[in-house]
């Protein structure tokens, strides 16, 4: 059976992307083949395509940092994931075929795949910034650069939950602004 994927053939702009059709791979032991329902497109994806991100694979490669999909074939030794189960992953690149089971997280039923994929890279990044790097505490003031982007939006929402006083700017917008954000 065939499947379609996108590869980056050379570092550069959108012209570096090529659609290829090939035989659908079979998962190896401990892997799950995932039929992608939604994949994120983020700044790291664009930087990898251009060859400037520090974790850029060698060309040719399949881009994509995060995905939501259906596990459609299980390799030997896989447990805790069932065929037909919706899962999420952040493989950094190559989000199109087999993924090690340890990289998959079940997605609660009823969530839209497109909405769910927006949470993976953005919210993991934001959570780590707030709680692992900055170790924020309730009542602190935080300036969020790029508050209008995916990670910025996640920082605003997670910051609210953490009881932070937040300020945001949008340095890459057509205009610059600063505001006090309250929810």
N, C-alpha and C. Protein backbone atom coordinates (compact mmCIF):
# COMPACT_ATOMS: atom_id res chain seq x y z
N UNK A 1 0.84 -1.17 0.00
CA UNK A 1 0.00 0.00 0.00
C UNK A 1 0.89 1.24 0.00
N UNK A 2 0.49 2.25 -0.72
CA UNK A 2 1.27 3.49 -0.86
C UNK A 2 0.83 4.54 0.18
N UNK A 3 1.75 5.44 0.47
CA UNK A 3 1.42 6.61 1.27
C UNK A 3 2.19 7.80 0.71
N UNK A 4 1.77 8.98 1.09
CA UNK A 4 2.36 10.22 0.61
C UNK A 4 3.05 10.91 1.77
N UNK A 5 4.20 11.49 1.49
CA UNK A 5 4.88 12.31 2.49
C UNK A 5 5.58 13.46 1.79
N UNK A 6 6.01 14.40 2.58
CA UNK A 6 6.72 15.57 2.07
C UNK A 6 8.17 15.45 2.51
N UNK A 7 9.09 15.77 1.60
CA UNK A 7 10.50 15.80 1.96
C UNK A 7 11.09 17.17 1.61
N UNK A 8 12.13 17.52 2.33
CA UNK A 8 12.93 18.70 2.02
C UNK A 8 14.09 18.18 1.18
N UNK A 9 14.16 18.61 -0.07
CA UNK A 9 15.17 18.10 -0.99
C UNK A 9 16.49 18.88 -0.91
N UNK A 10 16.40 20.14 -0.52
CA UNK A 10 17.57 21.00 -0.35
C UNK A 10 17.15 22.10 0.63
N UNK A 11 18.12 22.73 1.26
CA UNK A 11 17.78 23.80 2.19
C UNK A 11 17.36 25.03 1.40
N UNK A 12 16.25 25.65 1.83
CA UNK A 12 15.78 26.83 1.13
C UNK A 12 14.34 27.15 1.46
N UNK A 13 13.68 27.82 0.52
CA UNK A 13 12.30 28.25 0.68
C UNK A 13 11.31 27.14 0.38
N UNK A 14 10.06 27.51 0.14
CA UNK A 14 9.02 26.52 -0.14
C UNK A 14 9.34 25.61 -1.33
N UNK A 15 10.18 26.09 -2.25
CA UNK A 15 10.57 25.27 -3.40
C UNK A 15 11.38 24.05 -2.99
N UNK A 16 11.87 24.02 -1.76
CA UNK A 16 12.64 22.87 -1.26
C UNK A 16 11.74 21.69 -0.90
N UNK A 17 10.43 21.91 -0.83
CA UNK A 17 9.49 20.85 -0.46
C UNK A 17 9.06 20.07 -1.69
N UNK A 18 9.03 18.76 -1.53
CA UNK A 18 8.59 17.88 -2.63
C UNK A 18 7.68 16.80 -2.05
N UNK A 19 6.58 16.53 -2.74
CA UNK A 19 5.66 15.46 -2.35
C UNK A 19 6.12 14.18 -3.02
N UNK A 20 6.26 13.10 -2.23
CA UNK A 20 6.65 11.80 -2.78
C UNK A 20 5.63 10.75 -2.37
N UNK A 21 5.45 9.76 -3.21
CA UNK A 21 4.59 8.63 -2.91
C UNK A 21 5.48 7.40 -2.89
N UNK A 22 5.31 6.59 -1.84
CA UNK A 22 6.15 5.41 -1.67
C UNK A 22 5.39 4.33 -0.93
N UNK A 23 5.98 3.16 -0.85
CA UNK A 23 5.36 2.06 -0.11
C UNK A 23 5.26 2.43 1.37
N UNK A 24 4.14 2.11 1.96
CA UNK A 24 3.93 2.38 3.38
C UNK A 24 4.81 1.42 4.18
N UNK A 25 5.66 1.94 5.07
CA UNK A 25 6.57 1.07 5.83
C UNK A 25 5.84 0.28 6.91
N UNK A 26 6.41 -0.84 7.26
CA UNK A 26 5.89 -1.65 8.36
C UNK A 26 6.64 -1.30 9.63
N UNK A 27 5.96 -1.20 10.76
CA UNK A 27 6.64 -0.86 12.01
C UNK A 27 7.54 -2.01 12.49
N UNK A 28 8.65 -1.64 13.07
CA UNK A 28 9.57 -2.61 13.67
C UNK A 28 9.13 -2.87 15.12
N UNK A 29 9.82 -3.76 15.79
CA UNK A 29 9.51 -4.08 17.19
C UNK A 29 9.56 -2.80 18.04
N UNK A 30 8.54 -2.60 18.85
CA UNK A 30 8.48 -1.44 19.73
C UNK A 30 8.03 -0.16 19.05
N UNK A 31 7.66 -0.23 17.76
CA UNK A 31 7.23 0.96 17.02
C UNK A 31 5.75 0.88 16.69
N UNK A 32 5.17 2.05 16.44
CA UNK A 32 3.79 2.17 16.03
C UNK A 32 3.77 2.97 14.73
N UNK A 33 3.12 2.43 13.70
CA UNK A 33 2.94 3.20 12.48
C UNK A 33 1.74 4.11 12.70
N UNK A 34 1.91 5.39 12.42
CA UNK A 34 0.88 6.39 12.69
C UNK A 34 0.44 7.02 11.37
N UNK A 35 -0.87 7.01 11.15
CA UNK A 35 -1.45 7.73 10.02
C UNK A 35 -1.74 9.14 10.51
N UNK A 36 -0.99 10.11 10.00
CA UNK A 36 -1.06 11.49 10.47
C UNK A 36 -2.39 12.13 10.09
N UNK A 37 -3.06 12.69 11.09
CA UNK A 37 -4.30 13.42 10.88
C UNK A 37 -4.05 14.92 10.83
N UNK A 38 -3.10 15.40 11.63
CA UNK A 38 -2.75 16.81 11.68
C UNK A 38 -1.30 16.95 12.09
N UNK A 39 -0.60 17.85 11.44
CA UNK A 39 0.80 18.12 11.76
C UNK A 39 0.98 19.62 11.94
N UNK A 40 1.83 19.99 12.86
CA UNK A 40 2.08 21.39 13.10
C UNK A 40 3.02 21.98 12.05
N UNK A 41 2.95 23.28 11.89
CA UNK A 41 3.91 24.02 11.08
C UNK A 41 4.38 25.16 11.98
N UNK A 42 5.64 25.10 12.36
CA UNK A 42 6.15 26.05 13.34
C UNK A 42 7.42 26.72 12.83
N UNK A 43 7.88 27.70 13.57
CA UNK A 43 9.12 28.37 13.22
C UNK A 43 10.29 27.38 13.16
N UNK A 44 10.41 26.43 14.09
CA UNK A 44 11.50 25.45 13.95
C UNK A 44 11.41 24.64 12.64
N UNK A 45 10.19 24.34 12.18
CA UNK A 45 10.04 23.65 10.89
C UNK A 45 10.61 24.50 9.75
N UNK A 46 10.27 25.78 9.75
CA UNK A 46 10.77 26.67 8.70
C UNK A 46 12.29 26.81 8.78
N UNK A 47 12.80 26.92 10.00
CA UNK A 47 14.25 27.05 10.17
C UNK A 47 14.97 25.78 9.72
N UNK A 48 14.37 24.61 9.99
CA UNK A 48 14.98 23.35 9.53
C UNK A 48 14.97 23.28 8.01
N UNK A 49 13.86 23.68 7.41
CA UNK A 49 13.79 23.67 5.95
C UNK A 49 14.87 24.56 5.35
N UNK A 50 15.16 25.67 6.02
CA UNK A 50 16.19 26.59 5.54
C UNK A 50 17.59 26.14 5.93
N UNK A 51 17.69 25.11 6.80
CA UNK A 51 18.99 24.59 7.21
C UNK A 51 19.67 25.38 8.31
N UNK A 52 18.93 26.22 9.05
CA UNK A 52 19.54 27.07 10.07
C UNK A 52 19.20 26.67 11.50
N UNK A 53 18.32 25.71 11.70
CA UNK A 53 17.99 25.27 13.06
C UNK A 53 19.08 24.32 13.53
N UNK A 54 19.49 24.41 14.80
CA UNK A 54 20.57 23.54 15.29
C UNK A 54 20.27 22.04 15.21
N UNK A 55 18.99 21.66 15.18
CA UNK A 55 18.64 20.23 15.10
C UNK A 55 18.19 19.82 13.69
N UNK A 56 18.65 20.54 12.68
CA UNK A 56 18.27 20.24 11.30
C UNK A 56 18.91 18.94 10.84
N UNK A 57 18.10 17.99 10.34
CA UNK A 57 18.68 16.77 9.78
C UNK A 57 19.34 17.05 8.43
N UNK A 58 20.11 16.10 7.95
CA UNK A 58 20.68 16.20 6.61
C UNK A 58 19.56 16.00 5.59
N UNK A 59 19.70 16.67 4.43
CA UNK A 59 18.72 16.49 3.36
C UNK A 59 19.02 15.18 2.64
N UNK A 60 18.03 14.53 2.11
CA UNK A 60 16.61 14.84 2.22
C UNK A 60 16.05 14.38 3.57
N UNK A 61 15.05 15.08 4.07
CA UNK A 61 14.39 14.69 5.31
C UNK A 61 12.93 15.10 5.25
N UNK A 62 12.14 14.44 6.09
CA UNK A 62 10.73 14.79 6.24
C UNK A 62 10.62 15.72 7.43
N UNK A 63 10.12 16.94 7.22
CA UNK A 63 10.02 17.88 8.33
C UNK A 63 8.85 17.54 9.25
N UNK A 64 8.74 18.29 10.27
CA UNK A 64 7.60 18.31 11.19
C UNK A 64 7.99 17.90 12.58
N UNK A 65 7.72 18.80 13.49
CA UNK A 65 8.06 18.60 14.89
C UNK A 65 6.98 17.91 15.68
N UNK A 66 5.73 18.04 15.27
CA UNK A 66 4.65 17.50 16.10
C UNK A 66 3.50 17.01 15.23
N UNK A 67 2.77 16.04 15.78
CA UNK A 67 1.67 15.44 15.02
C UNK A 67 0.62 14.86 15.94
N UNK A 68 -0.56 14.70 15.39
CA UNK A 68 -1.64 13.92 15.98
C UNK A 68 -2.08 12.96 14.90
N UNK A 69 -2.23 11.69 15.25
CA UNK A 69 -2.63 10.71 14.25
C UNK A 69 -3.22 9.47 14.89
N UNK A 70 -3.51 8.51 14.04
CA UNK A 70 -4.10 7.25 14.47
C UNK A 70 -3.06 6.15 14.34
N UNK A 71 -2.85 5.42 15.40
CA UNK A 71 -1.96 4.26 15.31
C UNK A 71 -2.64 3.20 14.46
N UNK A 72 -2.09 2.94 13.26
CA UNK A 72 -2.79 2.00 12.37
C UNK A 72 -2.10 0.64 12.26
N UNK A 73 -0.90 0.51 12.81
CA UNK A 73 -0.22 -0.78 12.81
C UNK A 73 0.76 -0.81 13.96
N UNK A 74 0.76 -1.87 14.74
CA UNK A 74 1.64 -1.99 15.90
C UNK A 74 2.75 -2.99 15.61
N UNK A 75 3.98 -2.63 15.97
CA UNK A 75 5.08 -3.57 15.88
C UNK A 75 5.04 -4.53 17.05
N UNK A 76 5.84 -5.56 16.99
CA UNK A 76 5.90 -6.53 18.09
C UNK A 76 6.32 -5.85 19.39
N UNK A 77 5.73 -6.29 20.48
CA UNK A 77 6.11 -5.81 21.80
C UNK A 77 5.48 -4.49 22.21
N UNK A 78 4.59 -3.94 21.43
CA UNK A 78 3.94 -2.68 21.79
C UNK A 78 2.78 -2.98 22.73
N UNK A 79 2.73 -2.25 23.85
CA UNK A 79 1.61 -2.40 24.77
C UNK A 79 1.19 -1.02 25.24
N UNK A 80 -0.06 -0.88 25.63
CA UNK A 80 -0.57 0.40 26.10
C UNK A 80 -1.11 1.29 25.00
N UNK A 81 -0.92 0.89 23.76
CA UNK A 81 -1.47 1.61 22.60
C UNK A 81 -2.18 0.57 21.76
N UNK A 82 -3.36 0.92 21.28
CA UNK A 82 -4.14 -0.01 20.47
C UNK A 82 -4.27 0.50 19.05
N UNK A 83 -4.45 -0.42 18.12
CA UNK A 83 -4.73 -0.03 16.74
C UNK A 83 -6.00 0.81 16.74
N UNK A 84 -5.97 1.93 16.03
CA UNK A 84 -7.11 2.82 15.97
C UNK A 84 -7.11 3.91 17.02
N UNK A 85 -6.18 3.87 17.95
CA UNK A 85 -6.12 4.87 19.01
C UNK A 85 -5.49 6.16 18.48
N UNK A 86 -6.04 7.30 18.88
CA UNK A 86 -5.48 8.59 18.49
C UNK A 86 -4.35 8.93 19.46
N UNK A 87 -3.21 9.31 18.88
CA UNK A 87 -2.01 9.59 19.66
C UNK A 87 -1.38 10.90 19.19
N UNK A 88 -0.52 11.46 20.05
CA UNK A 88 0.24 12.66 19.72
C UNK A 88 1.71 12.36 19.93
N UNK A 89 2.57 13.08 19.20
CA UNK A 89 4.01 12.90 19.35
C UNK A 89 4.74 14.15 18.93
N UNK A 90 5.98 14.27 19.40
CA UNK A 90 6.85 15.37 19.02
C UNK A 90 8.21 14.79 18.62
N UNK A 91 8.28 14.18 17.43
CA UNK A 91 9.51 13.50 17.03
C UNK A 91 10.63 14.42 16.54
N UNK A 92 10.41 15.70 16.41
CA UNK A 92 11.34 16.71 15.93
C UNK A 92 11.45 16.71 14.40
N UNK A 93 11.52 15.55 13.78
CA UNK A 93 11.46 15.48 12.31
C UNK A 93 10.94 14.11 11.92
N UNK A 94 10.46 14.00 10.70
CA UNK A 94 10.03 12.72 10.17
C UNK A 94 8.71 12.23 10.70
N UNK A 95 7.81 13.11 11.04
CA UNK A 95 6.54 12.72 11.64
C UNK A 95 5.60 12.15 10.58
N UNK A 96 5.95 11.00 10.05
CA UNK A 96 5.11 10.46 8.98
C UNK A 96 4.95 8.95 9.01
N UNK A 97 5.79 8.22 9.70
CA UNK A 97 5.72 6.76 9.58
C UNK A 97 5.77 6.11 10.94
N UNK A 98 6.81 5.31 11.17
CA UNK A 98 6.89 4.60 12.44
C UNK A 98 7.46 5.51 13.51
N UNK A 99 6.92 5.39 14.70
CA UNK A 99 7.44 6.13 15.84
C UNK A 99 7.61 5.16 17.00
N UNK A 100 8.69 5.29 17.77
CA UNK A 100 8.83 4.44 18.95
C UNK A 100 7.66 4.69 19.90
N UNK A 101 7.17 3.64 20.50
CA UNK A 101 6.03 3.74 21.40
C UNK A 101 6.30 4.76 22.50
N UNK A 102 7.53 4.84 22.98
CA UNK A 102 7.86 5.76 24.08
C UNK A 102 7.63 7.22 23.72
N UNK A 103 7.52 7.54 22.42
CA UNK A 103 7.31 8.93 21.98
C UNK A 103 5.83 9.28 21.84
N UNK A 104 4.95 8.32 22.01
CA UNK A 104 3.52 8.54 21.77
C UNK A 104 2.77 8.79 23.07
N UNK A 105 1.82 9.71 22.99
CA UNK A 105 0.95 10.03 24.12
C UNK A 105 -0.48 9.89 23.63
N UNK A 106 -1.33 9.14 24.34
CA UNK A 106 -2.73 9.04 23.92
C UNK A 106 -3.43 10.41 23.96
N UNK A 107 -4.27 10.65 22.99
CA UNK A 107 -5.06 11.89 22.93
C UNK A 107 -6.46 11.57 23.43
N UNK A 108 -6.98 12.36 24.37
CA UNK A 108 -8.33 12.09 24.88
C UNK A 108 -9.36 12.12 23.74
N UNK A 109 -10.33 11.26 23.82
CA UNK A 109 -11.35 11.20 22.78
C UNK A 109 -12.14 12.51 22.76
N UNK A 110 -12.60 12.87 21.58
CA UNK A 110 -13.40 14.07 21.41
C UNK A 110 -12.61 15.32 21.06
N UNK A 111 -11.28 15.26 21.16
CA UNK A 111 -10.48 16.42 20.78
C UNK A 111 -10.27 16.44 19.27
N UNK A 112 -10.39 17.60 18.68
CA UNK A 112 -10.13 17.78 17.26
C UNK A 112 -8.62 17.66 17.04
N UNK A 113 -8.20 16.89 16.03
CA UNK A 113 -6.78 16.64 15.77
C UNK A 113 -6.03 17.93 15.48
N UNK A 114 -6.62 18.85 14.73
CA UNK A 114 -5.95 20.10 14.39
C UNK A 114 -5.76 20.95 15.65
N UNK A 115 -6.76 21.00 16.51
CA UNK A 115 -6.63 21.75 17.75
C UNK A 115 -5.62 21.08 18.68
N UNK A 116 -5.65 19.76 18.75
CA UNK A 116 -4.74 19.03 19.64
C UNK A 116 -3.29 19.21 19.22
N UNK A 117 -3.00 19.21 17.91
CA UNK A 117 -1.61 19.33 17.47
C UNK A 117 -1.05 20.71 17.81
N UNK A 118 -1.90 21.71 17.91
CA UNK A 118 -1.42 23.05 18.26
C UNK A 118 -0.90 23.11 19.69
N UNK A 119 -1.27 22.15 20.51
CA UNK A 119 -0.86 22.14 21.90
C UNK A 119 0.53 21.57 22.11
N UNK A 120 0.96 20.69 21.24
CA UNK A 120 2.15 19.89 21.51
C UNK A 120 3.41 20.76 21.64
N UNK A 121 3.93 21.25 20.56
CA UNK A 121 5.17 22.03 20.60
C UNK A 121 5.00 23.32 21.39
N UNK A 122 3.91 24.04 21.14
CA UNK A 122 3.71 25.34 21.79
C UNK A 122 3.61 25.22 23.31
N UNK A 123 2.80 24.31 23.80
CA UNK A 123 2.56 24.23 25.24
C UNK A 123 3.69 23.52 25.98
N UNK A 124 4.33 22.56 25.36
CA UNK A 124 5.49 21.93 25.99
C UNK A 124 6.59 22.97 26.14
N UNK A 125 6.83 23.74 25.08
CA UNK A 125 7.84 24.79 25.13
C UNK A 125 7.51 25.82 26.21
N UNK A 126 6.27 26.30 26.22
CA UNK A 126 5.86 27.32 27.19
C UNK A 126 5.95 26.79 28.62
N UNK A 127 5.48 25.58 28.84
CA UNK A 127 5.53 25.01 30.18
C UNK A 127 6.97 24.91 30.68
N UNK A 128 7.85 24.41 29.83
CA UNK A 128 9.25 24.28 30.23
C UNK A 128 9.89 25.64 30.51
N UNK A 129 9.54 26.64 29.70
CA UNK A 129 10.08 27.98 29.91
C UNK A 129 9.65 28.53 31.28
N UNK A 130 8.36 28.39 31.59
CA UNK A 130 7.84 28.95 32.83
C UNK A 130 8.29 28.17 34.07
N UNK A 131 8.16 26.86 34.01
CA UNK A 131 8.32 26.06 35.22
C UNK A 131 9.67 25.38 35.38
N UNK A 132 10.34 25.05 34.31
CA UNK A 132 11.64 24.39 34.43
C UNK A 132 12.79 25.38 34.33
N UNK A 133 12.67 26.37 33.44
CA UNK A 133 13.75 27.34 33.28
C UNK A 133 13.60 28.51 34.24
N UNK A 134 12.48 29.24 34.15
CA UNK A 134 12.28 30.44 34.96
C UNK A 134 11.82 30.14 36.38
N UNK A 135 11.21 28.98 36.59
CA UNK A 135 10.70 28.59 37.92
C UNK A 135 9.83 29.71 38.52
N UNK A 136 8.81 30.12 37.74
CA UNK A 136 7.96 31.23 38.15
C UNK A 136 7.14 30.90 39.39
N UNK A 137 6.75 31.99 40.11
CA UNK A 137 5.90 31.86 41.28
C UNK A 137 4.75 32.85 41.16
N UNK A 138 3.64 32.51 41.71
CA UNK A 138 2.45 33.37 41.67
C UNK A 138 2.79 34.78 42.12
N UNK A 139 2.25 35.77 41.40
CA UNK A 139 2.47 37.17 41.73
C UNK A 139 3.64 37.80 40.99
N UNK A 140 4.49 37.01 40.36
CA UNK A 140 5.62 37.58 39.63
C UNK A 140 5.15 38.26 38.35
N UNK A 141 5.96 39.20 37.88
CA UNK A 141 5.69 39.89 36.62
C UNK A 141 6.53 39.24 35.52
N UNK A 142 5.91 39.08 34.36
CA UNK A 142 6.58 38.43 33.24
C UNK A 142 6.34 39.23 31.97
N UNK A 143 7.41 39.47 31.20
CA UNK A 143 7.30 40.09 29.88
C UNK A 143 7.41 38.97 28.86
N UNK A 144 6.41 38.87 28.01
CA UNK A 144 6.38 37.81 27.00
C UNK A 144 6.61 38.45 25.64
N UNK A 145 7.79 38.17 25.07
CA UNK A 145 8.10 38.64 23.71
C UNK A 145 7.38 37.73 22.72
N UNK A 146 6.76 38.31 21.72
CA UNK A 146 6.04 37.50 20.74
C UNK A 146 4.76 36.92 21.30
N UNK A 147 4.05 37.72 22.07
CA UNK A 147 2.84 37.24 22.74
C UNK A 147 1.73 36.82 21.78
N UNK A 148 1.83 37.21 20.52
CA UNK A 148 0.79 36.87 19.55
C UNK A 148 1.02 35.53 18.87
N UNK A 149 2.17 34.92 19.07
CA UNK A 149 2.48 33.65 18.42
C UNK A 149 1.96 32.46 19.20
N UNK A 150 2.26 31.27 18.72
CA UNK A 150 1.79 30.05 19.35
C UNK A 150 2.34 29.85 20.75
N UNK A 151 3.67 29.97 20.91
CA UNK A 151 4.27 29.82 22.23
C UNK A 151 3.86 30.98 23.12
N UNK A 152 3.79 32.20 22.56
CA UNK A 152 3.36 33.36 23.34
C UNK A 152 1.96 33.20 23.89
N UNK A 153 1.06 32.71 23.06
CA UNK A 153 -0.32 32.46 23.50
C UNK A 153 -0.34 31.42 24.61
N UNK A 154 0.46 30.36 24.44
CA UNK A 154 0.54 29.33 25.48
C UNK A 154 1.11 29.90 26.77
N UNK A 155 2.13 30.75 26.66
CA UNK A 155 2.70 31.38 27.86
C UNK A 155 1.65 32.22 28.58
N UNK A 156 0.84 32.96 27.83
CA UNK A 156 -0.21 33.77 28.45
C UNK A 156 -1.22 32.90 29.20
N UNK A 157 -1.63 31.81 28.58
CA UNK A 157 -2.63 30.95 29.22
C UNK A 157 -2.05 30.21 30.42
N UNK A 158 -0.85 29.67 30.28
CA UNK A 158 -0.23 28.96 31.41
C UNK A 158 0.18 29.94 32.51
N UNK A 159 0.59 31.15 32.11
CA UNK A 159 0.93 32.17 33.09
C UNK A 159 -0.26 32.58 33.93
N UNK A 160 -1.41 32.66 33.29
CA UNK A 160 -2.64 32.99 34.03
C UNK A 160 -2.90 31.91 35.08
N UNK A 161 -2.76 30.66 34.69
CA UNK A 161 -2.97 29.55 35.63
C UNK A 161 -1.97 29.60 36.78
N UNK A 162 -0.77 30.12 36.51
CA UNK A 162 0.27 30.20 37.53
C UNK A 162 0.16 31.47 38.38
N UNK A 163 -0.81 32.34 38.07
CA UNK A 163 -1.02 33.56 38.86
C UNK A 163 -0.01 34.65 38.58
N UNK A 164 0.46 34.75 37.34
CA UNK A 164 1.46 35.75 36.99
C UNK A 164 0.81 37.04 36.52
N UNK A 165 1.52 38.17 36.71
CA UNK A 165 1.13 39.43 36.10
C UNK A 165 1.92 39.50 34.80
N UNK A 166 1.22 39.53 33.68
CA UNK A 166 1.90 39.37 32.39
C UNK A 166 1.80 40.62 31.54
N UNK A 167 2.88 40.87 30.83
CA UNK A 167 2.97 41.93 29.84
C UNK A 167 3.43 41.27 28.55
N UNK A 168 2.92 41.73 27.43
CA UNK A 168 3.31 41.12 26.17
C UNK A 168 3.63 42.15 25.12
N UNK A 169 4.48 41.76 24.18
CA UNK A 169 4.73 42.59 23.01
C UNK A 169 4.74 41.69 21.79
N UNK A 170 4.74 42.33 20.66
CA UNK A 170 4.71 41.60 19.40
C UNK A 170 5.77 42.23 18.49
N UNK A 171 7.05 41.92 18.74
CA UNK A 171 8.12 42.60 18.01
C UNK A 171 8.16 42.30 16.52
N UNK A 172 7.54 41.23 16.08
CA UNK A 172 7.61 40.86 14.67
C UNK A 172 6.35 41.23 13.91
N UNK A 173 5.42 41.93 14.58
CA UNK A 173 4.19 42.36 13.91
C UNK A 173 4.48 43.58 13.05
N UNK A 174 3.51 43.97 12.25
CA UNK A 174 3.64 45.17 11.43
C UNK A 174 3.74 46.41 12.30
N UNK A 175 3.24 46.33 13.48
CA UNK A 175 3.33 47.42 14.41
C UNK A 175 3.74 46.83 15.75
N UNK A 176 4.25 47.64 16.61
CA UNK A 176 4.69 47.17 17.91
C UNK A 176 3.73 47.71 18.97
N UNK A 177 3.47 46.90 19.96
CA UNK A 177 2.59 47.34 21.02
C UNK A 177 2.99 46.65 22.32
N UNK A 178 2.64 47.25 23.41
CA UNK A 178 2.77 46.63 24.71
C UNK A 178 1.45 46.82 25.42
N UNK A 179 1.08 45.80 26.16
CA UNK A 179 -0.19 45.91 26.87
C UNK A 179 -0.16 45.05 28.11
N UNK A 180 -0.98 45.38 29.05
CA UNK A 180 -1.19 44.54 30.20
C UNK A 180 -2.32 43.59 29.84
N UNK A 181 -2.06 42.33 29.99
CA UNK A 181 -3.05 41.33 29.60
C UNK A 181 -3.77 40.83 30.83
N UNK A 182 -5.07 40.86 30.80
CA UNK A 182 -5.85 40.32 31.89
C UNK A 182 -6.93 39.45 31.31
N UNK A 183 -7.19 38.36 31.95
CA UNK A 183 -8.19 37.41 31.48
C UNK A 183 -9.30 37.32 32.48
